[in-house]
Amino acid sequence: MVAADATAQPRLIDADGVVEATRLAELYAPFAGRIEGCAVREGDAVTAGQVLLRIVPSVGDGAELSIAAPWDGQVLRSHVRVEGREVPAQALLLELFDPDSVVLRFSVDGMQALGLAPGQSVQAQFAGAPSSPVELTITRAWPALEPDTGRRVLEARIPAQAGVAIGLPAQVRVEPPVAVQLPATLRRALPTGA
């Protein structure tokens, strides 16, 4: 029986990340019409079923339509700037996100990703934040490498009360296990120099 050798990993992995929401909703105009009664702006909290705005049809005898929030969340962007403005059918009106779905998404080289898994701690330094990093836990690891880059995407959940903005960049540092045990058959399949 051949013993499995340890393939050493770098002691620290540094990566760039960005804050994203995994639960988003885009609300579109179902027909051409005039915007009336827009009750929300960026940053406003909304509840499921809350009427956010109304659209009055431009032509025909159609009835006005209320656009409601599909679930509890927060307004990420409003594309409705002027009350009474005409919008075409399928115009993007509002973007919502769920504050409980905010994550830090980052990627590492596929070979460095060996051993990184949900439950592992990472240190995140958010742009413009005080010097001390925040400890987060990896909650999701993509099962396959990105075909164009050979990188593995990982996510770490950010608590809703953290107050970080969607799109905020961050520096991520993770200390992988000291070594990953690879079976001899897998090691022979790795490219030279790996």
N, C-alpha and C. Protein backbone atom coordinates (compact mmCIF):
# COMPACT_ATOMS: atom_id res chain seq x y z
N MET A 1 0.84 -1.19 0.00
CA MET A 1 0.00 0.00 0.00
C MET A 1 0.88 1.24 0.00
N VAL A 2 0.58 2.21 -0.88
CA VAL A 2 1.35 3.43 -1.00
C VAL A 2 0.70 4.49 -0.12
N ALA A 3 1.51 5.10 0.72
CA ALA A 3 0.99 6.15 1.60
C ALA A 3 0.74 7.41 0.80
N ALA A 4 -0.27 8.16 1.19
CA ALA A 4 -0.56 9.43 0.53
C ALA A 4 0.40 10.47 1.04
N ASP A 5 1.01 11.22 0.12
CA ASP A 5 1.92 12.30 0.49
C ASP A 5 1.12 13.57 0.74
N ALA A 6 1.70 14.46 1.49
CA ALA A 6 1.05 15.75 1.73
C ALA A 6 1.54 16.74 0.69
N THR A 7 0.64 17.46 0.07
CA THR A 7 1.00 18.54 -0.84
C THR A 7 0.83 19.82 -0.05
N ALA A 8 1.94 20.48 0.20
CA ALA A 8 1.93 21.67 1.05
C ALA A 8 1.20 22.82 0.37
N GLN A 9 0.44 23.55 1.13
CA GLN A 9 -0.27 24.73 0.66
C GLN A 9 0.47 25.96 1.17
N PRO A 10 0.32 27.10 0.51
CA PRO A 10 0.89 28.32 1.07
C PRO A 10 0.26 28.58 2.43
N ARG A 11 1.00 29.18 3.33
CA ARG A 11 0.49 29.42 4.67
C ARG A 11 -0.64 30.44 4.68
N LEU A 12 -0.59 31.43 3.83
CA LEU A 12 -1.67 32.43 3.77
C LEU A 12 -2.08 32.64 2.32
N ILE A 13 -3.36 32.81 2.11
CA ILE A 13 -3.88 33.12 0.78
C ILE A 13 -4.51 34.50 0.87
N ASP A 14 -4.09 35.40 0.00
CA ASP A 14 -4.69 36.72 -0.09
C ASP A 14 -5.53 36.79 -1.36
N ALA A 15 -6.70 37.38 -1.27
CA ALA A 15 -7.60 37.49 -2.43
C ALA A 15 -8.38 38.79 -2.33
N ASP A 16 -8.86 39.23 -3.47
CA ASP A 16 -9.75 40.38 -3.52
C ASP A 16 -11.18 39.87 -3.54
N GLY A 17 -12.05 40.58 -2.85
CA GLY A 17 -13.46 40.20 -2.81
C GLY A 17 -14.35 41.40 -2.99
N VAL A 18 -15.64 41.14 -3.09
CA VAL A 18 -16.61 42.22 -3.22
C VAL A 18 -17.89 41.80 -2.49
N VAL A 19 -18.56 42.77 -1.90
CA VAL A 19 -19.81 42.53 -1.19
C VAL A 19 -20.95 42.43 -2.21
N GLU A 20 -21.71 41.34 -2.14
CA GLU A 20 -22.82 41.12 -3.05
C GLU A 20 -24.02 40.60 -2.28
N ALA A 21 -25.19 40.77 -2.87
CA ALA A 21 -26.41 40.16 -2.32
C ALA A 21 -26.76 38.97 -3.20
N THR A 22 -27.13 37.87 -2.59
CA THR A 22 -27.47 36.68 -3.36
C THR A 22 -28.96 36.60 -3.66
N ARG A 23 -29.76 37.40 -2.99
CA ARG A 23 -31.21 37.43 -3.26
C ARG A 23 -31.57 38.83 -3.72
N LEU A 24 -31.88 38.93 -5.01
CA LEU A 24 -32.19 40.21 -5.65
C LEU A 24 -33.51 40.09 -6.40
N ALA A 25 -34.18 41.22 -6.57
CA ALA A 25 -35.38 41.27 -7.40
C ALA A 25 -35.32 42.54 -8.24
N GLU A 26 -35.62 42.38 -9.51
CA GLU A 26 -35.74 43.53 -10.41
C GLU A 26 -37.21 43.66 -10.78
N LEU A 27 -37.77 44.82 -10.59
CA LEU A 27 -39.18 45.07 -10.88
C LEU A 27 -39.29 45.93 -12.13
N TYR A 28 -40.01 45.42 -13.13
CA TYR A 28 -40.13 46.07 -14.43
C TYR A 28 -41.55 46.56 -14.66
N ALA A 29 -41.67 47.55 -15.54
CA ALA A 29 -42.99 48.05 -15.96
C ALA A 29 -43.62 47.01 -16.88
N PRO A 30 -44.83 46.53 -16.55
CA PRO A 30 -45.46 45.51 -17.40
C PRO A 30 -46.00 46.08 -18.71
N PHE A 31 -46.17 47.40 -18.76
CA PHE A 31 -46.65 48.07 -19.97
C PHE A 31 -46.17 49.51 -19.92
N ALA A 32 -46.30 50.20 -21.07
CA ALA A 32 -45.93 51.62 -21.12
C ALA A 32 -46.93 52.41 -20.29
N GLY A 33 -46.42 53.36 -19.52
CA GLY A 33 -47.34 54.14 -18.70
C GLY A 33 -46.65 55.25 -17.92
N ARG A 34 -47.45 55.90 -17.12
CA ARG A 34 -46.99 57.02 -16.30
C ARG A 34 -46.82 56.54 -14.85
N ILE A 35 -45.70 56.87 -14.25
CA ILE A 35 -45.41 56.48 -12.86
C ILE A 35 -46.15 57.42 -11.91
N GLU A 36 -46.85 56.82 -10.98
CA GLU A 36 -47.57 57.59 -9.95
C GLU A 36 -47.29 56.97 -8.59
N GLY A 37 -47.29 57.79 -7.56
CA GLY A 37 -47.23 57.31 -6.18
C GLY A 37 -46.03 56.47 -5.82
N CYS A 38 -44.87 56.84 -6.33
CA CYS A 38 -43.66 56.09 -5.94
C CYS A 38 -43.36 56.39 -4.48
N ALA A 39 -43.44 55.36 -3.64
CA ALA A 39 -43.36 55.55 -2.20
C ALA A 39 -42.01 55.18 -1.60
N VAL A 40 -41.02 54.81 -2.43
CA VAL A 40 -39.74 54.36 -1.88
C VAL A 40 -38.57 54.99 -2.63
N ARG A 41 -37.44 55.00 -1.92
CA ARG A 41 -36.17 55.46 -2.49
C ARG A 41 -35.08 54.49 -2.08
N GLU A 42 -33.87 54.66 -2.62
CA GLU A 42 -32.75 53.80 -2.27
C GLU A 42 -32.57 53.75 -0.76
N GLY A 43 -32.38 52.53 -0.26
CA GLY A 43 -32.14 52.34 1.16
C GLY A 43 -33.38 52.07 1.99
N ASP A 44 -34.56 52.33 1.43
CA ASP A 44 -35.79 52.11 2.20
C ASP A 44 -36.05 50.62 2.41
N ALA A 45 -36.48 50.27 3.62
CA ALA A 45 -36.91 48.91 3.90
C ALA A 45 -38.33 48.73 3.37
N VAL A 46 -38.59 47.54 2.80
CA VAL A 46 -39.92 47.23 2.28
C VAL A 46 -40.38 45.89 2.83
N THR A 47 -41.69 45.71 2.87
CA THR A 47 -42.24 44.44 3.35
C THR A 47 -42.99 43.76 2.21
N ALA A 48 -43.08 42.46 2.29
CA ALA A 48 -43.76 41.68 1.26
C ALA A 48 -45.17 42.22 1.06
N GLY A 49 -45.55 42.48 -0.20
CA GLY A 49 -46.88 42.97 -0.52
C GLY A 49 -47.04 44.48 -0.45
N GLN A 50 -46.05 45.19 0.08
CA GLN A 50 -46.14 46.65 0.17
C GLN A 50 -46.16 47.25 -1.23
N VAL A 51 -47.12 48.16 -1.49
CA VAL A 51 -47.19 48.84 -2.78
C VAL A 51 -46.06 49.85 -2.85
N LEU A 52 -45.23 49.71 -3.90
CA LEU A 52 -44.06 50.57 -4.05
C LEU A 52 -44.32 51.73 -5.00
N LEU A 53 -45.14 51.48 -6.03
CA LEU A 53 -45.52 52.52 -6.98
C LEU A 53 -46.70 52.03 -7.81
N ARG A 54 -47.29 52.95 -8.57
CA ARG A 54 -48.39 52.60 -9.47
C ARG A 54 -48.01 53.04 -10.88
N ILE A 55 -48.55 52.30 -11.87
CA ILE A 55 -48.36 52.68 -13.27
C ILE A 55 -49.73 52.86 -13.90
N VAL A 56 -49.91 54.03 -14.52
CA VAL A 56 -51.16 54.34 -15.24
C VAL A 56 -50.86 54.15 -16.72
N PRO A 57 -51.64 53.30 -17.42
CA PRO A 57 -51.35 53.02 -18.84
C PRO A 57 -51.34 54.27 -19.70
N SER A 58 -50.42 54.30 -20.67
CA SER A 58 -50.31 55.45 -21.59
C SER A 58 -51.44 55.48 -22.60
N VAL A 59 -51.81 54.32 -23.09
CA VAL A 59 -52.86 54.24 -24.11
C VAL A 59 -53.90 53.21 -23.70
N GLY A 60 -55.06 53.30 -24.28
CA GLY A 60 -56.10 52.32 -24.01
C GLY A 60 -56.84 52.61 -22.72
N ASP A 61 -57.74 51.70 -22.41
CA ASP A 61 -58.58 51.87 -21.24
C ASP A 61 -58.14 50.97 -20.09
N GLY A 62 -56.90 50.48 -20.13
CA GLY A 62 -56.43 49.59 -19.08
C GLY A 62 -56.43 50.27 -17.72
N ALA A 63 -56.56 49.47 -16.70
CA ALA A 63 -56.56 50.00 -15.34
C ALA A 63 -55.12 50.21 -14.87
N GLU A 64 -54.96 51.13 -13.95
CA GLU A 64 -53.62 51.31 -13.37
C GLU A 64 -53.23 50.05 -12.62
N LEU A 65 -51.93 49.85 -12.48
CA LEU A 65 -51.41 48.64 -11.84
C LEU A 65 -50.47 49.04 -10.71
N SER A 66 -50.64 48.39 -9.57
CA SER A 66 -49.73 48.62 -8.45
C SER A 66 -48.60 47.61 -8.51
N ILE A 67 -47.39 48.08 -8.28
CA ILE A 67 -46.21 47.23 -8.23
C ILE A 67 -45.87 47.07 -6.75
N ALA A 68 -45.83 45.82 -6.28
CA ALA A 68 -45.61 45.54 -4.86
C ALA A 68 -44.30 44.79 -4.65
N ALA A 69 -43.78 44.86 -3.44
CA ALA A 69 -42.56 44.14 -3.07
C ALA A 69 -42.87 42.64 -3.01
N PRO A 70 -42.03 41.81 -3.64
CA PRO A 70 -42.28 40.37 -3.62
C PRO A 70 -41.95 39.73 -2.28
N TRP A 71 -41.07 40.36 -1.50
CA TRP A 71 -40.68 39.84 -0.20
C TRP A 71 -40.09 40.98 0.62
N ASP A 72 -39.86 40.73 1.91
CA ASP A 72 -39.23 41.74 2.76
C ASP A 72 -37.82 41.99 2.26
N GLY A 73 -37.42 43.24 2.21
CA GLY A 73 -36.08 43.56 1.74
C GLY A 73 -35.77 45.03 1.86
N GLN A 74 -34.91 45.48 0.97
CA GLN A 74 -34.49 46.87 0.97
C GLN A 74 -34.31 47.31 -0.48
N VAL A 75 -34.59 48.58 -0.77
CA VAL A 75 -34.42 49.11 -2.11
C VAL A 75 -32.94 49.34 -2.36
N LEU A 76 -32.41 48.65 -3.36
CA LEU A 76 -31.00 48.81 -3.74
C LEU A 76 -30.85 50.01 -4.67
N ARG A 77 -31.69 50.04 -5.72
CA ARG A 77 -31.66 51.15 -6.68
C ARG A 77 -33.08 51.46 -7.13
N SER A 78 -33.33 52.75 -7.31
CA SER A 78 -34.60 53.19 -7.90
C SER A 78 -34.27 53.85 -9.23
N HIS A 79 -34.93 53.40 -10.29
CA HIS A 79 -34.74 53.99 -11.61
C HIS A 79 -35.89 54.93 -11.92
N VAL A 80 -36.72 55.18 -10.92
CA VAL A 80 -37.85 56.10 -11.04
C VAL A 80 -37.44 57.39 -10.36
N ARG A 81 -37.17 58.40 -11.16
CA ARG A 81 -36.66 59.65 -10.60
C ARG A 81 -37.70 60.77 -10.54
N VAL A 82 -38.64 60.74 -11.48
CA VAL A 82 -39.58 61.85 -11.58
C VAL A 82 -41.01 61.31 -11.57
N GLU A 83 -41.77 61.76 -10.62
CA GLU A 83 -43.20 61.40 -10.54
C GLU A 83 -43.91 61.89 -11.81
N GLY A 84 -44.75 61.05 -12.38
CA GLY A 84 -45.49 61.43 -13.57
C GLY A 84 -44.76 61.17 -14.87
N ARG A 85 -43.52 60.70 -14.79
CA ARG A 85 -42.74 60.41 -16.01
C ARG A 85 -43.30 59.18 -16.71
N GLU A 86 -43.28 59.22 -18.04
CA GLU A 86 -43.70 58.09 -18.86
C GLU A 86 -42.52 57.11 -18.96
N VAL A 87 -42.83 55.84 -18.85
CA VAL A 87 -41.82 54.80 -19.02
C VAL A 87 -42.30 53.81 -20.06
N PRO A 88 -41.38 53.22 -20.83
CA PRO A 88 -41.78 52.21 -21.80
C PRO A 88 -42.06 50.88 -21.12
N ALA A 89 -42.74 49.99 -21.84
CA ALA A 89 -42.96 48.64 -21.32
C ALA A 89 -41.60 47.98 -21.08
N GLN A 90 -41.51 47.22 -20.03
CA GLN A 90 -40.31 46.49 -19.63
C GLN A 90 -39.16 47.38 -19.15
N ALA A 91 -39.44 48.64 -18.80
CA ALA A 91 -38.42 49.51 -18.21
C ALA A 91 -38.14 49.03 -16.79
N LEU A 92 -36.87 48.97 -16.42
CA LEU A 92 -36.49 48.61 -15.05
C LEU A 92 -36.87 49.76 -14.12
N LEU A 93 -37.66 49.44 -13.10
CA LEU A 93 -38.15 50.46 -12.18
C LEU A 93 -37.39 50.47 -10.86
N LEU A 94 -37.33 49.30 -10.22
CA LEU A 94 -36.71 49.20 -8.90
C LEU A 94 -35.90 47.91 -8.80
N GLU A 95 -34.83 47.96 -8.00
CA GLU A 95 -34.05 46.78 -7.67
C GLU A 95 -34.08 46.63 -6.15
N LEU A 96 -34.43 45.44 -5.69
CA LEU A 96 -34.50 45.14 -4.26
C LEU A 96 -33.47 44.08 -3.91
N PHE A 97 -33.06 44.06 -2.64
CA PHE A 97 -32.21 42.98 -2.15
C PHE A 97 -32.63 42.60 -0.75
N ASP A 98 -32.27 41.40 -0.36
CA ASP A 98 -32.54 40.89 0.97
C ASP A 98 -31.30 41.13 1.82
N PRO A 99 -31.36 41.98 2.85
CA PRO A 99 -30.18 42.26 3.68
C PRO A 99 -29.61 41.01 4.36
N ASP A 100 -30.44 39.98 4.52
CA ASP A 100 -29.94 38.74 5.12
C ASP A 100 -29.20 37.86 4.11
N SER A 101 -29.10 38.31 2.86
CA SER A 101 -28.41 37.52 1.83
C SER A 101 -27.07 38.13 1.42
N VAL A 102 -26.57 39.07 2.20
CA VAL A 102 -25.33 39.76 1.84
C VAL A 102 -24.12 38.88 2.17
N VAL A 103 -23.25 38.74 1.16
CA VAL A 103 -22.05 37.90 1.31
C VAL A 103 -20.83 38.65 0.78
N LEU A 104 -19.68 38.17 1.19
CA LEU A 104 -18.42 38.60 0.60
C LEU A 104 -18.04 37.49 -0.36
N ARG A 105 -17.98 37.80 -1.65
CA ARG A 105 -17.64 36.80 -2.67
C ARG A 105 -16.21 37.06 -3.11
N PHE A 106 -15.40 36.01 -3.10
CA PHE A 106 -14.00 36.12 -3.52
C PHE A 106 -13.60 34.85 -4.24
N SER A 107 -12.48 34.91 -4.93
CA SER A 107 -12.01 33.72 -5.64
C SER A 107 -10.51 33.55 -5.42
N VAL A 108 -10.09 32.30 -5.45
CA VAL A 108 -8.67 31.98 -5.29
C VAL A 108 -8.27 31.02 -6.40
N ASP A 109 -6.99 30.99 -6.69
CA ASP A 109 -6.46 30.07 -7.67
C ASP A 109 -6.89 28.65 -7.31
N GLY A 110 -7.25 27.86 -8.31
CA GLY A 110 -7.76 26.52 -8.07
C GLY A 110 -6.86 25.66 -7.21
N MET A 111 -5.54 25.74 -7.40
CA MET A 111 -4.62 24.93 -6.61
C MET A 111 -4.56 25.43 -5.16
N GLN A 112 -4.71 26.73 -4.95
CA GLN A 112 -4.73 27.26 -3.58
C GLN A 112 -6.02 26.91 -2.87
N ALA A 113 -7.06 26.61 -3.63
CA ALA A 113 -8.38 26.36 -3.05
C ALA A 113 -8.48 24.98 -2.40
N LEU A 114 -7.50 24.12 -2.62
CA LEU A 114 -7.53 22.80 -2.00
C LEU A 114 -7.64 22.96 -0.49
N GLY A 115 -8.62 22.32 0.08
CA GLY A 115 -8.80 22.36 1.53
C GLY A 115 -9.68 23.48 2.04
N LEU A 116 -9.99 24.49 1.20
CA LEU A 116 -10.89 25.55 1.64
C LEU A 116 -12.32 25.04 1.53
N ALA A 117 -13.09 25.23 2.59
CA ALA A 117 -14.44 24.67 2.62
C ALA A 117 -15.33 25.48 3.55
N PRO A 118 -16.66 25.32 3.38
CA PRO A 118 -17.58 25.98 4.31
C PRO A 118 -17.22 25.64 5.76
N GLY A 119 -17.37 26.65 6.60
CA GLY A 119 -17.04 26.50 8.02
C GLY A 119 -15.68 27.07 8.39
N GLN A 120 -14.85 27.31 7.39
CA GLN A 120 -13.51 27.83 7.65
C GLN A 120 -13.56 29.35 7.81
N SER A 121 -12.74 29.88 8.70
CA SER A 121 -12.70 31.31 8.96
C SER A 121 -11.82 32.03 7.94
N VAL A 122 -12.21 33.27 7.63
CA VAL A 122 -11.42 34.16 6.79
C VAL A 122 -11.38 35.53 7.47
N GLN A 123 -10.36 36.28 7.18
CA GLN A 123 -10.24 37.65 7.67
C GLN A 123 -10.54 38.58 6.50
N ALA A 124 -11.42 39.55 6.69
CA ALA A 124 -11.79 40.49 5.63
C ALA A 124 -11.51 41.91 6.09
N GLN A 125 -10.83 42.65 5.24
CA GLN A 125 -10.58 44.07 5.47
C GLN A 125 -11.34 44.84 4.41
N PHE A 126 -12.41 45.54 4.82
CA PHE A 126 -13.24 46.27 3.88
C PHE A 126 -12.63 47.62 3.58
N ALA A 127 -12.71 48.04 2.32
CA ALA A 127 -12.16 49.33 1.90
C ALA A 127 -12.75 50.45 2.73
N GLY A 128 -11.90 51.30 3.25
CA GLY A 128 -12.34 52.45 4.03
C GLY A 128 -12.73 52.15 5.46
N ALA A 129 -12.65 50.88 5.87
CA ALA A 129 -13.02 50.50 7.24
C ALA A 129 -11.82 50.67 8.17
N PRO A 130 -12.05 50.70 9.47
CA PRO A 130 -10.93 50.78 10.40
C PRO A 130 -9.94 49.64 10.17
N SER A 131 -8.74 49.79 10.69
CA SER A 131 -7.65 48.87 10.36
C SER A 131 -7.86 47.43 10.81
N SER A 132 -8.65 47.17 11.84
CA SER A 132 -8.78 45.78 12.29
C SER A 132 -9.69 45.00 11.35
N PRO A 133 -9.24 43.80 10.90
CA PRO A 133 -10.08 43.01 10.00
C PRO A 133 -11.25 42.37 10.73
N VAL A 134 -12.24 41.95 9.94
CA VAL A 134 -13.44 41.30 10.45
C VAL A 134 -13.32 39.81 10.15
N GLU A 135 -13.66 38.98 11.13
CA GLU A 135 -13.62 37.54 10.90
C GLU A 135 -14.98 37.08 10.39
N LEU A 136 -14.95 36.37 9.26
CA LEU A 136 -16.15 35.81 8.65
C LEU A 136 -15.94 34.32 8.46
N THR A 137 -17.01 33.61 8.15
CA THR A 137 -16.94 32.17 7.94
C THR A 137 -17.38 31.84 6.52
N ILE A 138 -16.60 31.02 5.83
CA ILE A 138 -16.97 30.58 4.49
C ILE A 138 -18.28 29.79 4.59
N THR A 139 -19.26 30.18 3.78
CA THR A 139 -20.56 29.50 3.80
C THR A 139 -20.83 28.72 2.51
N ARG A 140 -20.09 29.02 1.45
CA ARG A 140 -20.33 28.34 0.18
C ARG A 140 -19.04 28.31 -0.62
N ALA A 141 -18.81 27.17 -1.26
CA ALA A 141 -17.67 27.01 -2.16
C ALA A 141 -18.18 26.42 -3.45
N TRP A 142 -17.89 27.06 -4.58
CA TRP A 142 -18.32 26.57 -5.88
C TRP A 142 -17.70 25.18 -6.10
N PRO A 143 -18.47 24.25 -6.63
CA PRO A 143 -17.96 22.90 -6.82
C PRO A 143 -17.00 22.77 -8.01
N ALA A 144 -16.97 23.76 -8.89
CA ALA A 144 -16.10 23.69 -10.07
C ALA A 144 -15.32 24.99 -10.19
N LEU A 145 -14.17 24.91 -10.83
CA LEU A 145 -13.37 26.10 -11.10
C LEU A 145 -14.01 26.89 -12.24
N GLU A 146 -13.81 28.21 -12.23
CA GLU A 146 -14.29 29.04 -13.32
C GLU A 146 -13.50 28.66 -14.57
N PRO A 147 -14.18 28.34 -15.68
CA PRO A 147 -13.47 27.84 -16.86
C PRO A 147 -12.49 28.84 -17.46
N ASP A 148 -12.78 30.14 -17.39
CA ASP A 148 -11.90 31.14 -18.01
C ASP A 148 -10.67 31.45 -17.18
N THR A 149 -10.78 31.32 -15.86
CA THR A 149 -9.69 31.77 -14.99
C THR A 149 -9.03 30.66 -14.18
N GLY A 150 -9.69 29.51 -14.05
CA GLY A 150 -9.14 28.44 -13.22
C GLY A 150 -9.21 28.75 -11.74
N ARG A 151 -10.10 29.67 -11.37
CA ARG A 151 -10.23 30.07 -9.97
C ARG A 151 -11.49 29.46 -9.37
N ARG A 152 -11.48 29.27 -8.06
CA ARG A 152 -12.64 28.75 -7.34
C ARG A 152 -13.28 29.90 -6.57
N VAL A 153 -14.58 30.03 -6.70
CA VAL A 153 -15.32 31.10 -6.04
C VAL A 153 -15.80 30.60 -4.68
N LEU A 154 -15.67 31.47 -3.68
CA LEU A 154 -16.13 31.17 -2.33
C LEU A 154 -16.93 32.36 -1.82
N GLU A 155 -17.81 32.09 -0.86
CA GLU A 155 -18.59 33.15 -0.23
C GLU A 155 -18.48 33.02 1.28
N ALA A 156 -18.50 34.18 1.93
CA ALA A 156 -18.57 34.24 3.39
C ALA A 156 -19.74 35.17 3.71
N ARG A 157 -20.64 34.72 4.58
CA ARG A 157 -21.83 35.51 4.92
C ARG A 157 -21.43 36.72 5.76
N ILE A 158 -22.08 37.83 5.47
CA ILE A 158 -21.88 39.07 6.23
C ILE A 158 -23.16 39.34 7.00
N PRO A 159 -23.09 39.53 8.31
CA PRO A 159 -24.30 39.81 9.08
C PRO A 159 -24.98 41.09 8.59
N ALA A 160 -26.31 41.11 8.58
CA ALA A 160 -27.08 42.26 8.10
C ALA A 160 -26.72 43.53 8.85
N GLN A 161 -26.40 43.40 10.13
CA GLN A 161 -26.11 44.59 10.94
C GLN A 161 -24.70 45.15 10.69
N ALA A 162 -23.91 44.51 9.82
CA ALA A 162 -22.55 44.98 9.54
C ALA A 162 -22.55 46.32 8.84
N GLY A 163 -23.61 46.62 8.10
CA GLY A 163 -23.73 47.94 7.48
C GLY A 163 -22.81 48.17 6.30
N VAL A 164 -22.35 47.12 5.64
CA VAL A 164 -21.49 47.31 4.47
C VAL A 164 -22.35 47.47 3.23
N ALA A 165 -21.87 48.22 2.27
CA ALA A 165 -22.63 48.50 1.06
C ALA A 165 -22.38 47.44 -0.01
N ILE A 166 -23.42 47.14 -0.78
CA ILE A 166 -23.28 46.24 -1.92
C ILE A 166 -22.25 46.86 -2.87
N GLY A 167 -21.33 46.05 -3.35
CA GLY A 167 -20.29 46.53 -4.26
C GLY A 167 -19.00 46.95 -3.57
N LEU A 168 -18.99 46.99 -2.24
CA LEU A 168 -17.80 47.41 -1.50
C LEU A 168 -16.69 46.37 -1.66
N PRO A 169 -15.50 46.80 -2.08
CA PRO A 169 -14.40 45.84 -2.21
C PRO A 169 -13.79 45.51 -0.85
N ALA A 170 -13.12 44.36 -0.80
CA ALA A 170 -12.47 43.93 0.43
C ALA A 170 -11.24 43.10 0.10
N GLN A 171 -10.31 43.09 1.01
CA GLN A 171 -9.15 42.20 0.94
C GLN A 171 -9.45 41.03 1.85
N VAL A 172 -9.23 39.83 1.36
CA VAL A 172 -9.52 38.62 2.11
C VAL A 172 -8.22 37.89 2.37
N ARG A 173 -8.07 37.38 3.57
CA ARG A 173 -6.91 36.57 3.93
C ARG A 173 -7.42 35.32 4.62
N VAL A 174 -6.93 34.19 4.16
CA VAL A 174 -7.34 32.92 4.73
C VAL A 174 -6.11 32.05 4.91
N GLU A 175 -6.11 31.34 6.00
CA GLU A 175 -5.03 30.39 6.26
C GLU A 175 -5.58 29.00 6.04
N PRO A 176 -5.17 28.36 4.93
CA PRO A 176 -5.68 27.03 4.64
C PRO A 176 -5.05 26.00 5.57
N PRO A 177 -5.57 24.77 5.55
CA PRO A 177 -4.91 23.73 6.32
C PRO A 177 -3.44 23.65 5.91
N VAL A 178 -2.58 23.24 6.83
CA VAL A 178 -1.15 23.19 6.56
C VAL A 178 -0.86 22.28 5.37
N ALA A 179 -1.57 21.18 5.25
CA ALA A 179 -1.36 20.26 4.14
C ALA A 179 -2.67 19.56 3.83
N VAL A 180 -2.81 19.19 2.60
CA VAL A 180 -3.97 18.44 2.16
C VAL A 180 -3.46 17.07 1.73
N GLN A 181 -4.06 16.02 2.23
CA GLN A 181 -3.66 14.67 1.86
C GLN A 181 -4.30 14.31 0.52
N LEU A 182 -3.47 14.03 -0.47
CA LEU A 182 -3.96 13.63 -1.78
C LEU A 182 -3.60 12.19 -2.04
N PRO A 183 -4.52 11.40 -2.52
CA PRO A 183 -4.17 10.03 -2.88
C PRO A 183 -3.13 10.04 -3.99
N ALA A 184 -2.29 9.01 -4.03
CA ALA A 184 -1.21 8.92 -5.01
C ALA A 184 -1.75 9.00 -6.43
N THR A 185 -2.91 8.43 -6.71
CA THR A 185 -3.47 8.46 -8.07
C THR A 185 -3.79 9.88 -8.49
N LEU A 186 -4.26 10.72 -7.57
CA LEU A 186 -4.58 12.11 -7.90
C LEU A 186 -3.30 12.91 -8.11
N ARG A 187 -2.29 12.65 -7.27
CA ARG A 187 -1.04 13.40 -7.40
C ARG A 187 -0.40 13.15 -8.77
N ARG A 188 -0.49 11.93 -9.28
CA ARG A 188 0.08 11.63 -10.60
C ARG A 188 -0.68 12.39 -11.70
N ALA A 189 -1.95 12.73 -11.44
CA ALA A 189 -2.75 13.42 -12.46
C ALA A 189 -2.52 14.93 -12.45
N LEU A 190 -1.88 15.46 -11.38
CA LEU A 190 -1.65 16.90 -11.30
C LEU A 190 -0.57 17.31 -12.30
N PRO A 191 -0.67 18.56 -12.84
CA PRO A 191 0.34 19.02 -13.78
C PRO A 191 1.71 19.11 -13.09
N THR A 192 2.77 19.02 -13.87
CA THR A 192 4.13 19.12 -13.35
C THR A 192 4.31 20.46 -12.68
N GLY A 193 4.96 20.43 -11.52
CA GLY A 193 5.21 21.66 -10.76
C GLY A 193 4.11 21.97 -9.79
N ALA A 194 3.04 21.18 -9.74
CA ALA A 194 1.94 21.44 -8.81
C ALA A 194 2.25 20.85 -7.46
